[in-house]
Protein backbone atom coordinates (compact mmCIF):
# COMPACT_ATOMS: atom_id res chain seq x y z
CA MET A 1 0.01 0.02 0.00
CA THR A 2 1.36 3.43 -0.96
CA ALA A 3 1.46 6.31 1.49
CA LEU A 4 -1.40 7.95 -0.40
CA ASP A 5 -3.50 4.76 -0.30
CA ALA A 6 -2.92 4.52 3.51
CA GLU A 7 -3.97 8.15 4.05
CA LEU A 8 -7.08 7.75 1.88
CA ALA A 9 -8.11 4.58 3.70
CA ALA A 10 -7.72 6.28 7.08
CA TYR A 11 -9.66 9.29 5.85
CA ALA A 12 -12.57 7.20 4.52
CA ALA A 13 -12.78 5.25 7.77
CA ALA A 14 -12.93 8.45 9.84
CA ASN A 15 -15.58 10.20 7.76
CA PRO A 16 -18.50 7.82 7.02
CA LYS A 17 -21.22 10.47 7.51
CA SER A 18 -19.50 12.88 5.13
CA LYS A 19 -19.25 10.04 2.63
CA ALA A 20 -22.98 9.41 2.92
CA LEU A 21 -23.77 13.07 2.57
CA HIS A 22 -21.59 13.32 -0.51
CA GLU A 23 -23.36 10.36 -2.10
CA ARG A 24 -26.70 12.03 -1.41
CA ALA A 25 -25.50 15.42 -2.66
CA SER A 26 -24.16 13.87 -5.90
CA ARG A 27 -27.71 12.83 -6.81
CA PHE A 28 -28.65 16.50 -7.18
CA MET A 29 -25.43 18.46 -7.83
CA PRO A 30 -22.62 17.57 -10.26
CA GLY A 31 -19.73 16.43 -8.06
CA GLY A 32 -21.88 16.82 -4.98
CA ASP A 33 -21.47 20.58 -4.58
CA THR A 34 -21.52 23.91 -6.44
CA ARG A 35 -17.83 24.82 -6.63
CA ASN A 36 -14.99 22.64 -7.87
CA SER A 37 -12.47 24.38 -5.67
CA ILE A 38 -13.63 22.52 -2.56
CA PHE A 39 -13.89 19.04 -4.15
CA TRP A 40 -11.34 16.41 -3.33
CA ASN A 41 -11.06 12.64 -3.63
CA PRO A 42 -12.59 10.43 -2.43
CA PHE A 43 -15.12 12.96 -1.07
CA PRO A 44 -15.04 16.24 0.85
CA VAL A 45 -15.92 16.66 4.49
CA TYR A 46 -19.26 18.30 5.22
CA ILE A 47 -18.92 21.08 7.81
CA THR A 48 -21.65 21.52 10.40
CA HIS A 49 -20.18 24.16 12.73
CA ALA A 50 -17.33 26.65 12.82
CA ASP A 51 -15.94 28.90 15.53
CA GLY A 52 -12.71 30.85 15.63
CA THR A 53 -10.13 28.60 14.06
CA GLN A 54 -12.03 25.34 14.52
CA LEU A 55 -14.27 23.41 12.12
CA THR A 56 -16.54 20.55 13.12
CA ASP A 57 -17.76 18.10 10.42
CA ALA A 58 -20.73 15.77 10.22
CA ASP A 59 -18.75 12.94 11.82
CA GLY A 60 -17.79 15.12 14.80
CA ASN A 61 -14.18 15.54 13.68
CA VAL A 62 -12.65 18.85 14.71
CA ARG A 63 -10.00 20.43 12.50
CA THR A 64 -7.99 23.62 12.69
CA ASP A 65 -8.88 25.77 9.68
CA PHE A 66 -5.89 27.06 7.71
CA VAL A 67 -7.89 27.90 4.59
CA ASN A 68 -10.57 30.22 6.05
CA ASN A 69 -12.94 29.78 3.14
CA MET A 70 -10.25 30.42 0.53
CA THR A 71 -8.58 33.30 2.49
CA THR A 72 -11.90 35.06 3.23
CA LEU A 73 -12.26 34.82 7.03
CA ILE A 74 -9.35 36.96 8.10
CA MET A 75 -10.88 37.42 11.58
CA GLY A 76 -11.73 33.71 11.89
CA HIS A 77 -15.19 32.15 12.08
CA ARG A 78 -18.06 33.92 13.86
CA HIS A 79 -16.07 36.87 15.22
CA PRO A 80 -18.30 38.56 17.84
CA ASP A 81 -18.17 42.00 16.20
CA VAL A 82 -19.07 40.64 12.77
CA MET A 83 -21.85 38.48 14.12
CA ARG A 84 -23.23 41.44 16.10
CA ALA A 85 -23.24 43.59 12.96
CA LEU A 86 -25.07 40.88 11.01
CA HIS A 87 -27.67 40.34 13.78
CA GLU A 88 -28.33 44.08 13.96
CA GLN A 89 -28.81 44.31 10.18
CA VAL A 90 -31.14 41.30 10.18
CA ASP A 91 -33.37 43.19 12.56
CA HIS A 92 -33.62 46.03 9.99
CA GLY A 93 -33.83 43.95 6.80
CA ILE A 94 -31.70 41.74 4.60
CA SER A 95 -31.98 43.42 1.21
CA TYR A 96 -33.60 46.54 -0.17
CA PRO A 97 -34.59 47.91 -3.60
CA ALA A 98 -32.57 51.09 -2.88
CA PRO A 99 -29.22 52.00 -1.33
CA SER A 100 -28.60 51.74 2.42
CA PRO A 101 -26.37 53.77 4.74
CA PRO A 102 -23.87 50.95 5.57
CA VAL A 103 -22.77 50.85 1.97
CA ILE A 104 -21.55 54.41 2.18
CA ARG A 105 -19.29 53.68 5.16
CA TRP A 106 -18.02 50.54 3.42
CA ALA A 107 -17.04 52.48 0.29
CA GLU A 108 -15.56 55.27 2.39
CA ILE A 109 -13.21 52.91 4.24
CA LEU A 110 -11.89 51.33 1.06
CA CYS A 111 -11.42 54.62 -0.74
CA GLU A 112 -9.54 56.01 2.25
CA ARG A 113 -7.28 52.98 2.63
CA VAL A 114 -6.46 51.90 -0.92
CA PRO A 115 -4.02 54.13 -2.84
CA SER A 116 -5.57 53.42 -6.27
CA VAL A 117 -9.24 53.91 -5.40
CA ASP A 118 -11.00 57.24 -5.91
CA LYS A 119 -14.41 55.59 -6.48
CA ILE A 120 -15.66 52.04 -6.01
CA ARG A 121 -18.58 49.77 -6.96
CA PHE A 122 -19.64 46.59 -5.26
CA VAL A 123 -20.59 43.25 -6.75
CA ASN A 124 -21.03 39.72 -5.31
CA SER A 125 -17.88 37.81 -6.30
CA GLY A 126 -14.31 38.27 -7.36
CA THR A 127 -15.30 36.96 -10.76
CA GLU A 128 -17.71 39.90 -11.22
CA ALA A 129 -15.03 42.26 -9.94
CA THR A 130 -12.51 41.29 -12.63
CA LEU A 131 -15.18 41.14 -15.31
CA ASN A 132 -16.24 44.70 -14.60
CA ALA A 133 -12.69 46.01 -14.22
CA ILE A 134 -11.83 44.61 -17.63
CA ARG A 135 -15.01 46.09 -19.08
CA ALA A 136 -14.10 49.46 -17.55
CA ALA A 137 -10.66 49.34 -19.13
CA ARG A 138 -12.09 48.43 -22.51
CA ALA A 139 -14.71 51.19 -22.29
CA PHE A 140 -12.08 53.74 -21.20
CA THR A 141 -9.52 52.89 -23.90
CA GLY A 142 -11.77 51.73 -26.75
CA LYS A 143 -9.47 48.71 -27.13
CA THR A 144 -10.09 45.02 -26.60
CA LEU A 145 -6.92 43.09 -25.89
CA ILE A 146 -5.98 42.07 -22.32
CA ALA A 147 -2.56 40.96 -21.09
CA LYS A 148 -2.44 38.51 -18.19
CA CYS A 149 0.13 36.24 -16.62
CA GLU A 150 0.36 32.54 -17.31
CA GLY A 151 -0.84 30.58 -14.29
CA ALA A 152 -3.06 33.38 -12.94
CA TYR A 153 -6.70 32.85 -11.99
CA HIS A 154 -8.81 36.00 -12.27
CA GLY A 155 -12.28 34.52 -12.01
CA ASN A 156 -14.62 32.27 -13.94
CA HIS A 157 -15.59 34.23 -17.05
CA ASP A 158 -14.54 33.74 -20.66
CA ALA A 159 -12.46 36.86 -20.94
CA ILE A 160 -9.91 35.61 -18.42
CA GLN A 161 -10.22 31.78 -18.20
CA ILE A 162 -7.20 31.47 -20.43
CA SER A 163 -3.84 29.86 -19.55
CA VAL A 164 -4.72 29.38 -15.86
CA THR A 165 -3.32 25.82 -15.56
CA PRO A 166 -2.39 24.92 -19.15
CA PRO A 167 -0.53 21.68 -20.01
CA VAL A 168 3.06 22.86 -20.41
CA SER A 169 3.23 20.82 -23.63
CA GLU A 170 0.56 23.04 -25.16
CA ALA A 171 1.69 26.37 -23.70
CA GLY A 172 4.51 27.28 -26.02
CA ASP A 173 7.60 29.30 -25.21
CA ALA A 174 8.03 30.06 -21.49
CA GLU A 175 8.97 33.67 -22.29
CA ARG A 176 6.11 34.18 -24.72
CA PRO A 177 3.40 31.69 -23.78
CA ASP A 178 0.53 30.74 -26.05
CA PRO A 179 -2.99 31.44 -24.87
CA VAL A 180 -4.68 28.14 -23.91
CA ILE A 181 -8.45 27.86 -23.34
CA MET A 182 -8.97 26.09 -20.04
CA PHE A 183 -12.05 23.94 -20.65
CA PRO A 184 -14.96 23.24 -23.01
CA GLY A 185 -17.69 25.90 -23.16
CA ILE A 186 -15.42 28.88 -23.31
CA ASN A 187 -15.84 30.91 -26.52
CA PRO A 188 -12.88 29.95 -28.73
CA ALA A 189 -12.60 33.61 -29.75
CA ALA A 190 -11.76 34.49 -26.11
CA ALA A 191 -8.19 33.35 -26.62
CA ASP A 192 -7.77 35.89 -29.42
CA ASP A 193 -8.41 38.71 -26.98
CA VAL A 194 -5.73 37.70 -24.47
CA VAL A 195 -1.96 37.85 -24.64
CA ILE A 196 -0.02 35.81 -22.10
CA MET A 197 3.12 36.89 -20.30
CA PRO A 198 5.25 35.06 -17.78
CA TYR A 199 4.94 36.00 -14.10
CA ASN A 200 7.99 37.50 -12.39
CA ASN A 201 10.00 37.96 -15.54
CA ILE A 202 9.78 41.69 -16.36
CA GLU A 203 12.07 41.52 -19.39
CA ALA A 204 9.93 38.90 -21.13
CA ALA A 205 6.69 40.54 -20.00
CA GLU A 206 7.87 43.87 -21.43
CA ARG A 207 8.54 42.26 -24.82
CA VAL A 208 5.02 40.76 -24.86
CA ILE A 209 3.37 44.02 -23.83
CA ARG A 210 5.31 46.25 -26.22
CA SER A 211 4.57 43.91 -29.14
CA ARG A 212 0.81 44.51 -28.76
CA ALA A 213 0.80 47.88 -26.98
CA GLY A 214 -1.44 49.62 -29.50
CA GLU A 215 -4.18 47.00 -28.99
CA LEU A 216 -4.10 46.57 -25.19
CA ALA A 217 -7.01 47.78 -23.10
CA ALA A 218 -5.33 46.66 -19.87
CA VAL A 219 -2.70 44.59 -18.13
CA ILE A 220 -4.06 42.57 -15.21
CA VAL A 221 -1.89 40.94 -12.55
CA GLU A 222 -2.10 39.43 -9.04
CA PRO A 223 0.51 40.94 -6.73
CA ILE A 224 0.51 37.58 -4.97
CA ASN A 225 -0.35 34.73 -7.31
CA GLY A 226 -2.87 32.44 -5.62
CA GLN A 227 -3.19 29.76 -8.30
CA CYS A 228 0.51 28.89 -8.20
CA GLY A 229 0.69 28.78 -4.42
CA MET A 230 0.62 32.32 -3.02
CA VAL A 231 3.71 33.24 -4.99
CA PRO A 232 4.62 36.89 -4.34
CA ALA A 233 5.56 39.10 -7.22
CA LYS A 234 9.13 40.28 -7.28
CA PRO A 235 9.09 44.01 -6.46
CA GLU A 236 10.91 44.82 -9.71
CA PHE A 237 8.25 42.89 -11.65
CA LEU A 238 5.32 44.92 -10.27
CA GLN A 239 7.24 48.20 -10.50
CA GLY A 240 8.32 47.35 -14.00
CA LEU A 241 4.73 46.72 -15.07
CA ARG A 242 3.69 50.01 -13.53
CA ASP A 243 6.45 51.95 -15.24
CA LEU A 244 5.82 50.30 -18.59
CA THR A 245 2.00 50.68 -18.58
CA SER A 246 2.35 54.32 -17.52
CA GLU A 247 4.69 54.97 -20.41
CA LEU A 248 2.39 53.23 -22.89
CA ARG A 249 -0.81 54.63 -21.32
CA ILE A 250 -2.27 51.21 -20.70
CA PRO A 251 -4.47 50.80 -17.61
CA LEU A 252 -2.90 48.51 -15.00
CA ILE A 253 -5.33 46.33 -12.99
CA PHE A 254 -4.33 44.69 -9.74
CA ASP A 255 -6.44 41.63 -8.82
CA GLU A 256 -6.35 41.97 -5.03
CA VAL A 257 -9.18 39.48 -4.37
CA ILE A 258 -6.66 37.44 -2.36
CA SER A 259 -3.78 39.82 -1.75
CA PHE A 260 -5.82 42.57 -0.12
CA ARG A 261 -5.16 40.83 3.19
CA ALA A 262 -1.49 41.88 2.89
CA ALA A 263 -1.95 45.32 4.48
CA SER A 264 -4.50 47.96 5.33
CA GLY A 265 -4.23 49.28 1.77
CA GLY A 266 -3.67 45.91 0.20
CA ALA A 267 -0.62 44.54 -1.59
CA GLN A 268 -0.32 47.79 -3.46
CA GLU A 269 0.46 49.50 -0.19
CA TRP A 270 2.76 46.65 0.87
CA TYR A 271 4.72 46.89 -2.39
CA GLY A 272 4.36 50.68 -2.84
CA VAL A 273 3.04 50.27 -6.43
CA THR A 274 -0.24 51.90 -7.37
CA PRO A 275 -2.39 50.54 -10.25
CA ASP A 276 -5.19 52.29 -12.14
CA LEU A 277 -7.91 49.79 -11.16
CA THR A 278 -8.23 47.30 -8.28
CA CYS A 279 -10.40 44.22 -7.90
CA PHE A 280 -11.56 43.12 -4.46
CA GLY A 281 -13.35 40.18 -2.84
CA LYS A 282 -12.85 37.77 0.05
CA VAL A 283 -11.94 39.68 3.21
CA ILE A 284 -13.83 42.91 2.42
CA GLY A 285 -17.20 41.13 2.88
CA GLY A 286 -16.53 39.67 6.36
CA GLY A 287 -17.52 36.18 5.22
CA MET A 288 -20.51 37.19 3.06
CA PRO A 289 -20.57 36.91 -0.78
CA VAL A 290 -18.71 39.93 -2.10
CA GLY A 291 -16.67 41.58 -4.82
CA ALA A 292 -15.77 45.15 -5.70
CA PHE A 293 -13.84 47.10 -8.28
CA GLY A 294 -12.49 50.61 -8.01
CA GLY A 295 -9.97 53.02 -9.39
CA LYS A 296 -9.27 56.43 -10.78
CA GLU A 297 -12.08 58.93 -11.03
CA GLU A 298 -11.64 59.31 -14.80
CA ILE A 299 -12.25 55.58 -15.35
CA MET A 300 -14.91 54.99 -12.67
CA SER A 301 -16.93 57.98 -13.91
CA LEU A 302 -17.96 55.79 -16.86
CA TRP A 303 -20.32 54.01 -14.51
CA ASP A 304 -22.12 57.18 -13.37
CA PRO A 305 -25.78 57.11 -14.52
CA ASN A 306 -25.73 60.90 -14.66
CA HIS A 307 -23.48 60.67 -17.72
CA GLY A 308 -26.32 59.71 -20.02
CA PRO A 309 -25.67 57.68 -23.19
CA GLY A 310 -21.94 57.30 -22.48
CA GLN A 311 -22.41 55.39 -19.27
CA VAL A 312 -21.46 51.73 -18.82
CA GLN A 313 -24.43 49.69 -17.63
CA HIS A 314 -24.07 47.89 -14.31
CA ALA A 315 -26.80 46.11 -12.38
CA GLY A 316 -27.05 43.32 -9.84
CA THR A 317 -29.87 42.60 -7.39
CA PHE A 318 -27.53 42.00 -4.48
CA ASN A 319 -24.75 44.48 -5.31
CA GLY A 320 -23.92 46.46 -2.17
CA ASN A 321 -26.55 44.61 -0.16
CA PRO A 322 -26.79 45.73 3.51
CA MET A 323 -25.91 42.37 5.07
CA THR A 324 -22.60 42.14 3.24
CA ALA A 325 -21.94 45.82 3.84
CA ALA A 326 -22.57 45.41 7.60
CA ALA A 327 -20.19 42.41 7.84
CA GLY A 328 -17.65 44.17 5.63
CA VAL A 329 -17.58 47.33 7.66
CA ALA A 330 -17.26 45.41 10.91
CA THR A 331 -14.34 43.38 9.53
CA LEU A 332 -12.49 46.33 7.98
CA GLU A 333 -12.83 48.31 11.19
CA LEU A 334 -11.24 45.41 13.09
CA LEU A 335 -8.33 45.31 10.65
CA THR A 336 -6.03 47.93 12.16
CA PRO A 337 -2.38 48.30 11.10
CA GLU A 338 -1.46 46.43 14.29
CA VAL A 339 -3.59 43.44 13.26
CA TYR A 340 -1.93 43.37 9.82
CA ARG A 341 1.52 43.47 11.43
CA GLU A 342 0.60 40.52 13.67
CA LEU A 343 -0.79 38.61 10.70
CA GLU A 344 2.45 39.07 8.81
CA ARG A 345 4.48 38.02 11.86
CA LYS A 346 2.45 34.77 12.14
CA GLY A 347 2.75 34.09 8.41
CA ASP A 348 6.53 34.62 8.57
CA LEU A 349 6.77 32.36 11.63
CA LEU A 350 4.82 29.54 10.02
CA ARG A 351 6.75 29.61 6.75
CA GLN A 352 10.08 29.59 8.59
CA LYS A 353 9.05 26.67 10.78
CA ILE A 354 8.00 24.76 7.64
CA ARG A 355 11.34 25.54 6.00
CA ASP A 356 13.19 24.30 9.06
CA LEU A 357 11.13 21.06 9.05
CA ILE A 358 11.77 20.47 5.36
CA ALA A 359 15.49 20.90 5.85
CA GLU A 360 15.50 18.61 8.87
CA LEU A 361 13.60 15.79 7.06
CA GLU A 362 15.31 16.43 3.71
CA ALA A 363 11.91 16.32 2.07
CA PRO A 364 11.84 17.25 -1.66
CA MET A 365 9.55 20.23 -1.28
CA GLY A 366 9.36 23.91 -0.35
CA VAL A 367 7.04 26.64 0.88
CA THR A 368 5.95 29.86 -0.81
CA GLY A 369 3.93 32.83 0.36
CA ALA A 370 3.95 36.32 1.73
CA THR A 371 2.41 38.13 4.68
CA SER A 372 -0.36 35.82 6.05
CA LEU A 373 -0.48 33.54 2.94
CA PHE A 374 1.45 30.32 2.39
CA ALA A 375 1.50 27.14 0.27
CA LEU A 376 3.36 23.87 0.27
CA GLN A 377 5.24 23.15 -2.95
CA PHE A 378 6.14 19.54 -3.79
CA THR A 379 9.13 20.30 -5.96
CA THR A 380 12.78 21.02 -5.35
CA GLU A 381 12.65 23.93 -7.77
CA PRO A 382 12.13 27.43 -6.37
CA VAL A 383 8.54 28.27 -7.41
CA THR A 384 8.38 31.82 -8.85
CA ASP A 385 6.02 31.35 -11.83
CA TYR A 386 3.67 28.86 -13.53
CA ARG A 387 6.37 26.79 -15.22
CA SER A 388 8.18 26.12 -11.95
CA TYR A 389 4.87 25.49 -10.18
CA ALA A 390 3.98 22.91 -12.82
CA THR A 391 6.87 20.69 -11.63
CA ASN A 392 4.95 19.84 -8.43
CA ASP A 393 4.54 16.16 -7.56
CA LYS A 394 0.74 15.83 -7.58
CA VAL A 395 0.76 12.43 -5.82
CA MET A 396 2.77 13.87 -2.97
CA LEU A 397 0.46 16.88 -2.85
CA GLN A 398 -2.60 14.70 -2.39
CA THR A 399 -0.79 12.52 0.14
CA VAL A 400 0.07 15.50 2.33
CA PHE A 401 -3.31 17.19 1.88
CA THR A 402 -5.16 14.00 2.95
CA GLY A 403 -2.67 13.28 5.68
CA LEU A 404 -3.19 16.72 7.17
CA LEU A 405 -6.94 16.16 7.12
CA ASN A 406 -6.30 12.98 9.10
CA GLU A 407 -4.21 14.98 11.52
CA GLY A 408 -6.93 17.57 12.09
CA ILE A 409 -5.69 20.28 9.71
CA LEU A 410 -7.62 21.76 6.75
CA MET A 411 -5.83 23.46 3.87
CA SER A 412 -7.10 24.01 0.37
CA ASN A 413 -6.98 20.95 -1.87
CA ARG A 414 -3.86 22.43 -3.49
CA CYS A 415 -2.10 22.69 -0.12
CA ALA A 416 -2.39 26.46 0.03
CA GLY A 417 -3.45 28.24 3.20
CA ASN A 418 -3.43 31.33 5.34
CA VAL A 419 -3.37 32.38 8.97
CA SER A 420 -6.17 34.42 10.44
CA ALA A 421 -6.02 37.03 13.16
CA VAL A 422 -7.23 34.49 15.72
CA HIS A 423 -4.68 31.74 15.02
CA THR A 424 -2.26 31.32 17.89
CA ASP A 425 1.43 30.51 17.85
CA GLU A 426 0.48 27.19 19.48
CA GLU A 427 -1.75 26.37 16.51
CA ILE A 428 1.14 27.18 14.18
CA ASP A 429 3.25 24.68 16.09
CA GLU A 430 0.44 22.13 15.86
CA PHE A 431 0.36 22.62 12.10
CA VAL A 432 4.11 21.98 11.81
CA ASP A 433 3.92 18.94 14.11
CA ALA A 434 1.06 17.50 12.02
CA LEU A 435 3.04 18.12 8.82
CA ARG A 436 6.04 16.31 10.40
CA ARG A 437 3.91 13.22 11.15
CA VAL A 438 2.51 13.15 7.62
CA LEU A 439 5.94 13.47 6.03
CA VAL A 440 7.36 10.74 8.25
CA ARG A 441 4.53 8.41 7.25
CA ALA A 442 5.35 9.30 3.62
CA GLY A 443 8.91 8.05 4.16
CA TYR A 444 10.91 11.15 4.99
CA GLY A 445 13.06 11.70 8.05
């Protein structure tokens, strides 16, 4: 029996109720749920309760949460201030056919904190945020082409579901990658509207951008690449993109759906690089469905209904709904500079302890991340972009992911994670001890 087989057998034995729920769910939903990102073999656990850093599943297993609903719950589960804000809003109403006061405060906080944002609009997901930011750039410039990085996920819409996790054999030259449509159902013409550049290689990215500069409506980039394992951009890469797009008058979009947890003003504050448009999601909604996009006044004014025929249409029944606004305001007001500094300290501590463990056990792997974000990489190559990420040992990844589940630790199914403000140093040590036991069972040390 392989190490993976042993971990899977132990997992199945410990989670019979989740298995039964998954079989029932699969009768009504493809794959047993409504998002592929939380599916794993042989079946996912079904959560029944959450509090702070702890998750309880249908079988009564308690696990420490190091994924926080894909980086969303920066203050942990059921933070008293957030829950109080939600209860108070429930007493007044859950959605209205007109604006509500909490949305003003929500927008005010983000405009005050984020260097790039003069005006902002709210939506209900990160996908909608990037969709609308790209639409804004196209409306503003009158151009169509978008430049994005290979291995970057910017949401689930045709304009950007290109070269997210392409087979390397189909992706062409590493310094000038070919656009690869990710799955059936995407309009084949979408690939014609996207040019692909490598992440963290400013010289190659500059050649790609300059070659199509006259056609580019925008360049979009994640300051911390989530798809490849929370890989931080090199400072010279982000600054180089900013300098180049300023020179060529191409709007620069930062996708901060994940990286906004880096600092009070997001990764753009952390790096000191200011884009023209920013996309938000995750933490700004306090655990509720959310997205937002904002930027310079001259671009965002295109959405103003007072502008008559030249306006860009934007609707959405639950955009800026008062429940999400209440949770978002409560969360953002909790996120002081001191909280961000402590989050970064804990992220640095966890990554260093993982590095020390890897060195001690001589395991063929590494760890990436920045601030409160981290990911395990099952390759001996330093992971800085998609091509290096693609060298990961997928069997080892699943072995460790499943082993950590058996040890009472939940990460994403790609072994990416994050610390929340309520994680303790003791829980960080527990994570490292659990990882040690899994790696030893896998034959290391």
